[in-house]
C-alpha atoms as a PDB file:
ATOM      1  CA  UNK A   1       0.001   0.001   0.000  1.00  0.00           C
ATOM      2  CA  UNK A   2       1.565   3.275  -1.148  1.00  0.00           C
ATOM      3  CA  UNK A   3       1.501   6.075   1.386  1.00  0.00           C
ATOM      4  CA  UNK A   4       2.483   9.684   0.836  1.00  0.00           C
ATOM      5  CA  UNK A   5       2.784  12.022   3.802  1.00  0.00           C
ATOM      6  CA  UNK A   6       3.324  15.753   3.262  1.00  0.00           C
ATOM      7  CA  UNK A   7       4.742  18.131   5.820  1.00  0.00           C
ATOM      8  CA  UNK A   8       6.181  21.628   6.056  1.00  0.00           C
ATOM      9  CA  UNK A   9       3.140  23.748   5.373  1.00  0.00           C
ATOM     10  CA  UNK A  10       2.212  26.758   7.469  1.00  0.00           C
ATOM     11  CA  UNK A  11       1.577  30.469   7.589  1.00  0.00           C
ATOM     12  CA  UNK A  12       4.150  32.814   6.072  1.00  0.00           C
ATOM     13  CA  UNK A  13       4.258  36.447   5.028  1.00  0.00           C
ATOM     14  CA  UNK A  14       4.469  37.434   1.392  1.00  0.00           C
ATOM     15  CA  UNK A  15       8.060  37.239   0.210  1.00  0.00           C
ATOM     16  CA  UNK A  16       8.882  34.465   2.642  1.00  0.00           C
ATOM     17  CA  UNK A  17       9.884  30.857   2.075  1.00  0.00           C
ATOM     18  CA  UNK A  18       8.682  27.378   2.986  1.00  0.00           C
ATOM     19  CA  UNK A  19       9.996  23.912   2.234  1.00  0.00           C
ATOM     20  CA  UNK A  20       7.490  21.129   1.770  1.00  0.00           C
ATOM     21  CA  UNK A  21       8.427  17.478   2.127  1.00  0.00           C
ATOM     22  CA  UNK A  22       6.627  14.362   0.963  1.00  0.00           C
ATOM     23  CA  UNK A  23       7.728  11.017   2.362  1.00  0.00           C
ATOM     24  CA  UNK A  24       6.730   7.962   0.343  1.00  0.00           C
ATOM     25  CA  UNK A  25       6.465   4.423   1.662  1.00  0.00           C
ATOM     26  CA  UNK A  26       4.924   1.081   0.838  1.00  0.00           C
ATOM     27  CA  UNK A  27       6.961  -0.032  -2.155  1.00  0.00           C
ATOM     28  CA  UNK A  28      10.043   0.581  -4.230  1.00  0.00           C
ATOM     29  CA  UNK A  29       9.676   3.842  -6.140  1.00  0.00           C
ATOM     30  CA  UNK A  30      12.108   3.161  -8.925  1.00  0.00           C
ATOM     31  CA  UNK A  31      10.620   4.596 -12.102  1.00  0.00           C
ATOM     32  CA  UNK A  32       8.006   6.698 -10.314  1.00  0.00           C
ATOM     33  CA  UNK A  33       7.564  10.391 -11.048  1.00  0.00           C
ATOM     34  CA  UNK A  34       6.767  12.627  -8.093  1.00  0.00           C
ATOM     35  CA  UNK A  35       4.574  15.657  -8.532  1.00  0.00           C
ATOM     36  CA  UNK A  36       3.238  18.556  -6.510  1.00  0.00           C
ATOM     37  CA  UNK A  37      -0.226  19.960  -7.047  1.00  0.00           C
ATOM     38  CA  UNK A  38      -2.259  22.570  -5.184  1.00  0.00           C
ATOM     39  CA  UNK A  39      -5.880  23.422  -4.681  1.00  0.00           C
ATOM     40  CA  UNK A  40      -7.233  26.745  -3.489  1.00  0.00           C
ATOM     41  CA  UNK A  41     -10.785  27.113  -2.141  1.00  0.00           C
ATOM     42  CA  UNK A  42     -13.330  27.049  -4.947  1.00  0.00           C
ATOM     43  CA  UNK A  43     -10.732  26.187  -7.570  1.00  0.00           C
ATOM     44  CA  UNK A  44      -9.654  23.032  -9.335  1.00  0.00           C
ATOM     45  CA  UNK A  45      -6.529  21.172  -8.384  1.00  0.00           C
ATOM     46  CA  UNK A  46      -3.634  22.506 -10.440  1.00  0.00           C
ATOM     47  CA  UNK A  47      -0.184  21.342 -11.369  1.00  0.00           C
ATOM     48  CA  UNK A  48       2.786  22.930  -9.603  1.00  0.00           C
ATOM     49  CA  UNK A  49       5.901  20.865 -10.331  1.00  0.00           C
ATOM     50  CA  UNK A  50       7.095  17.368 -11.218  1.00  0.00           C
ATOM     51  CA  UNK A  51      10.360  15.467 -11.121  1.00  0.00           C
ATOM     52  CA  UNK A  52      11.280  12.216 -12.825  1.00  0.00           C
ATOM     53  CA  UNK A  53      12.714   9.244 -10.972  1.00  0.00           C
ATOM     54  CA  UNK A  54      16.269  10.085 -12.031  1.00  0.00           C
ATOM     55  CA  UNK A  55      15.851  13.691 -10.994  1.00  0.00           C
ATOM     56  CA  UNK A  56      17.280  14.789 -14.330  1.00  0.00           C
ATOM     57  CA  UNK A  57      14.018  16.198 -15.654  1.00  0.00           C
ATOM     58  CA  UNK A  58      11.782  18.685 -13.891  1.00  0.00           C
ATOM     59  CA  UNK A  59       8.866  20.839 -14.991  1.00  0.00           C
ATOM     60  CA  UNK A  60       7.045  23.757 -13.389  1.00  0.00           C
ATOM     61  CA  UNK A  61       3.838  25.676 -13.796  1.00  0.00           C
ATOM     62  CA  UNK A  62       4.481  29.106 -15.261  1.00  0.00           C
ATOM     63  CA  UNK A  63       3.089  30.709 -12.115  1.00  0.00           C
ATOM     64  CA  UNK A  64       5.861  29.265  -9.927  1.00  0.00           C
ATOM     65  CA  UNK A  65       8.765  29.055 -12.340  1.00  0.00           C
ATOM     66  CA  UNK A  66      11.853  30.772 -10.938  1.00  0.00           C
ATOM     67  CA  UNK A  67      10.439  30.777  -7.397  1.00  0.00           C
ATOM     68  CA  UNK A  68       9.854  27.086  -6.603  1.00  0.00           C
ATOM     69  CA  UNK A  69      12.322  24.210  -6.860  1.00  0.00           C
ATOM     70  CA  UNK A  70      11.450  20.523  -6.770  1.00  0.00           C
ATOM     71  CA  UNK A  71      14.004  17.902  -5.759  1.00  0.00           C
ATOM     72  CA  UNK A  72      14.046  14.322  -4.530  1.00  0.00           C
ATOM     73  CA  UNK A  73      16.137  11.974  -2.424  1.00  0.00           C
ATOM     74  CA  UNK A  74      15.648   8.423  -3.690  1.00  0.00           C
ATOM     75  CA  UNK A  75      17.461   6.933  -0.697  1.00  0.00           C
ATOM     76  CA  UNK A  76      14.932   8.516   1.638  1.00  0.00           C
ATOM     77  CA  UNK A  77      12.014   8.173  -0.819  1.00  0.00           C
ATOM     78  CA  UNK A  78      11.274  11.826  -0.237  1.00  0.00           C
ATOM     79  CA  UNK A  79      10.435  14.687  -2.582  1.00  0.00           C
ATOM     80  CA  UNK A  80      10.818  18.331  -1.637  1.00  0.00           C
ATOM     81  CA  UNK A  81       9.350  21.601  -2.819  1.00  0.00           C
ATOM     82  CA  UNK A  82      11.357  24.685  -1.918  1.00  0.00           C
ATOM     83  CA  UNK A  83       9.086  27.699  -2.227  1.00  0.00           C
ATOM     84  CA  UNK A  84      10.647  31.161  -2.259  1.00  0.00           C
ATOM     85  CA  UNK A  85       9.237  34.643  -2.821  1.00  0.00           C
ATOM     86  CA  UNK A  86       5.817  33.415  -1.815  1.00  0.00           C
ATOM     87  CA  UNK A  87       2.757  35.383  -2.864  1.00  0.00           C
ATOM     88  CA  UNK A  88      -0.771  35.468  -1.420  1.00  0.00           C
ATOM     89  CA  UNK A  89      -1.986  33.706  -4.572  1.00  0.00           C
ATOM     90  CA  UNK A  90       0.165  30.709  -3.608  1.00  0.00           C
ATOM     91  CA  UNK A  91      -2.224  30.044  -0.729  1.00  0.00           C
ATOM     92  CA  UNK A  92      -3.667  26.561  -1.148  1.00  0.00           C
ATOM     93  CA  UNK A  93      -3.564  23.005   0.077  1.00  0.00           C
ATOM     94  CA  UNK A  94      -0.500  21.386  -1.466  1.00  0.00           C
ATOM     95  CA  UNK A  95      -0.570  17.718  -2.416  1.00  0.00           C
ATOM     96  CA  UNK A  96       2.150  15.376  -3.543  1.00  0.00           C
ATOM     97  CA  UNK A  97       1.356  12.582  -5.952  1.00  0.00           C
ATOM     98  CA  UNK A  98       3.159   9.717  -7.614  1.00  0.00           C
ATOM     99  CA  UNK A  99       2.718   7.215 -10.391  1.00  0.00           C
ATOM    100  CA  UNK A 100       4.836   4.774 -12.335  1.00  0.00           C
ATOM    101  CA  UNK A 101       6.316   5.989 -15.631  1.00  0.00           C
ATOM    102  CA  UNK A 102       9.441   3.873 -15.972  1.00  0.00           C
ATOM    103  CA  UNK A 103      13.081   4.629 -15.310  1.00  0.00           C
ATOM    104  CA  UNK A 104      13.570   5.907 -18.823  1.00  0.00           C
ATOM    105  CA  UNK A 105      10.800   8.477 -18.563  1.00  0.00           C
ATOM    106  CA  UNK A 106      12.031  12.014 -19.143  1.00  0.00           C
ATOM    107  CA  UNK A 107       8.737  13.778 -18.600  1.00  0.00           C
ATOM    108  CA  UNK A 108       5.798  14.794 -20.719  1.00  0.00           C
ATOM    109  CA  UNK A 109       2.443  16.594 -20.753  1.00  0.00           C
ATOM    110  CA  UNK A 110       0.720  13.789 -18.872  1.00  0.00           C
ATOM    111  CA  UNK A 111       2.757  14.635 -15.792  1.00  0.00           C
ATOM    112  CA  UNK A 112       0.752  17.877 -15.464  1.00  0.00           C
ATOM    113  CA  UNK A 113      -2.638  16.131 -15.285  1.00  0.00           C
ATOM    114  CA  UNK A 114      -3.987  15.055 -11.868  1.00  0.00           C
ATOM    115  CA  UNK A 115      -5.843  12.201 -13.556  1.00  0.00           C
ATOM    116  CA  UNK A 116      -2.507  10.577 -14.456  1.00  0.00           C
ATOM    117  CA  UNK A 117      -1.618   9.950 -10.808  1.00  0.00           C
ATOM    118  CA  UNK A 118      -2.907   7.034  -8.780  1.00  0.00           C
ATOM    119  CA  UNK A 119      -1.411   7.873  -5.398  1.00  0.00           C
ATOM    120  CA  UNK A 120      -1.938  11.067  -3.394  1.00  0.00           C
ATOM    121  CA  UNK A 121      -1.008  12.440  -0.014  1.00  0.00           C
ATOM    122  CA  UNK A 122      -3.471  14.032   2.383  1.00  0.00           C
ATOM    123  CA  UNK A 123      -2.254  17.558   1.682  1.00  0.00           C
ATOM    124  CA  UNK A 124      -0.609  20.319   3.694  1.00  0.00           C
ATOM    125  CA  UNK A 125      -1.963  23.862   4.027  1.00  0.00           C
ATOM    126  CA  UNK A 126       0.141  26.798   2.861  1.00  0.00           C
ATOM    127  CA  UNK A 127      -1.152  30.260   3.721  1.00  0.00           C
ATOM    128  CA  UNK A 128       0.636  33.392   2.529  1.00  0.00           C
ATOM    129  CA  UNK A 129      -0.429  36.647   4.135  1.00  0.00           C
ATOM    130  CA  UNK A 130      -0.097  39.992   2.421  1.00  0.00           C
END
């Protein structure tokens, strides 16, 4: 049974930083992409960032590009999201997600679609005050 547990959310002022973590357990994650998504009240869940199993390929939503950085530690089965220069519009519940793509996967459009992920964490709240 795959489990994803997010942590690191909280309340921060605009311009501040937070680092989210997502610890995965329950199987070997070789070949699994790890993604971050977010959902604000009244809005659909949206893509934030994704990283392939090798860590070589990453992709970001335009709204966070240059401010957020995704990384992973395959020994610890953990993915991170470093969020800098936070804005009030970044306020949302942040979810990590994973699904198998294969070790040779270098990323593609499907990584941005929530429907392409089978496993999700419970979410962590990020609130950015102005």
